[in-house]
């Protein structure tokens, strides 16, 4: 069950479970709507966005132009 003809799992894209992906999302699209608050926070921190530490996810998206 859940195995294709080649023996790879059909349940997870890429054939890896979430734990095997290290918590990565299976979509891999990387669009801002899928990014975590921590991803946005780190980008804002690197980009020198003032006040990033107290921003909500939506505020971070707006400040980064996403």
Protein backbone atom coordinates (compact mmCIF):
# COMPACT_ATOMS: atom_id res chain seq x y z
CA UNK A 1 0.00 0.00 0.00
CA UNK A 2 1.32 3.42 -0.91
CA UNK A 3 4.06 1.92 -3.07
CA UNK A 4 4.47 2.51 -6.78
CA UNK A 5 5.77 -0.03 -9.28
CA UNK A 6 9.31 1.16 -8.60
CA UNK A 7 8.89 0.63 -4.85
CA UNK A 8 8.93 4.33 -3.96
CA UNK A 9 6.26 5.71 -1.69
CA UNK A 10 3.37 7.43 -3.42
CA UNK A 11 2.30 9.11 -0.18
CA UNK A 12 4.99 11.79 0.00
CA UNK A 13 6.43 13.81 -2.88
CA UNK A 14 10.06 12.88 -3.29
CA UNK A 15 9.48 9.61 -1.47
CA UNK A 16 10.55 11.02 1.91
CA UNK A 17 8.56 11.49 5.08
CA UNK A 18 8.53 14.83 6.91
CA UNK A 19 11.11 13.54 9.38
CA UNK A 20 13.36 12.41 6.52
CA UNK A 21 13.03 15.87 4.95
CA UNK A 22 14.05 17.46 8.24
CA UNK A 23 10.72 19.25 8.52
CA UNK A 24 10.85 20.71 5.01
CA UNK A 25 7.51 21.17 3.32
CA UNK A 26 6.91 18.72 0.49
CA UNK A 27 5.76 21.40 -1.97
CA UNK A 28 9.11 23.11 -2.24
CA UNK A 29 7.51 26.05 -4.04
CA UNK A 30 9.00 28.62 -1.72
CA UNK A 31 6.30 31.20 -2.35
CA UNK A 32 5.75 33.72 0.42
CA UNK A 33 2.32 32.27 1.21
CA UNK A 34 4.00 28.99 2.16
CA UNK A 35 6.92 30.46 4.07
CA UNK A 36 6.99 30.31 7.84
CA UNK A 37 7.16 33.34 10.05
CA UNK A 38 10.69 32.29 11.00
CA UNK A 39 11.73 32.22 7.31
CA UNK A 40 10.37 35.73 6.85
CA UNK A 41 11.96 36.88 10.11
CA UNK A 42 15.38 35.62 9.04
CA UNK A 43 15.07 37.32 5.65
CA UNK A 44 14.03 40.59 7.32
CA UNK A 45 16.92 40.30 9.77
CA UNK A 46 19.42 39.80 6.93
CA UNK A 47 17.84 42.63 4.96
CA UNK A 48 18.05 45.06 7.86
CA UNK A 49 14.29 45.60 8.19
CA UNK A 50 13.84 47.89 11.16
CA UNK A 51 11.47 46.59 13.83
CA UNK A 52 11.35 43.07 12.40
CA UNK A 53 11.55 41.44 15.84
CA UNK A 54 8.12 42.72 16.85
CA UNK A 55 6.33 42.20 13.50
CA UNK A 56 3.60 39.68 12.77
CA UNK A 57 3.94 37.30 9.84
CA UNK A 58 1.74 39.56 7.68
CA UNK A 59 3.77 42.63 8.64
CA UNK A 60 6.99 40.81 7.73
CA UNK A 61 5.50 39.85 4.35
CA UNK A 62 4.51 43.45 3.71
CA UNK A 63 7.90 44.83 4.78
CA UNK A 64 9.66 42.37 2.49
CA UNK A 65 7.32 43.08 -0.41
CA UNK A 66 5.88 39.57 -0.57
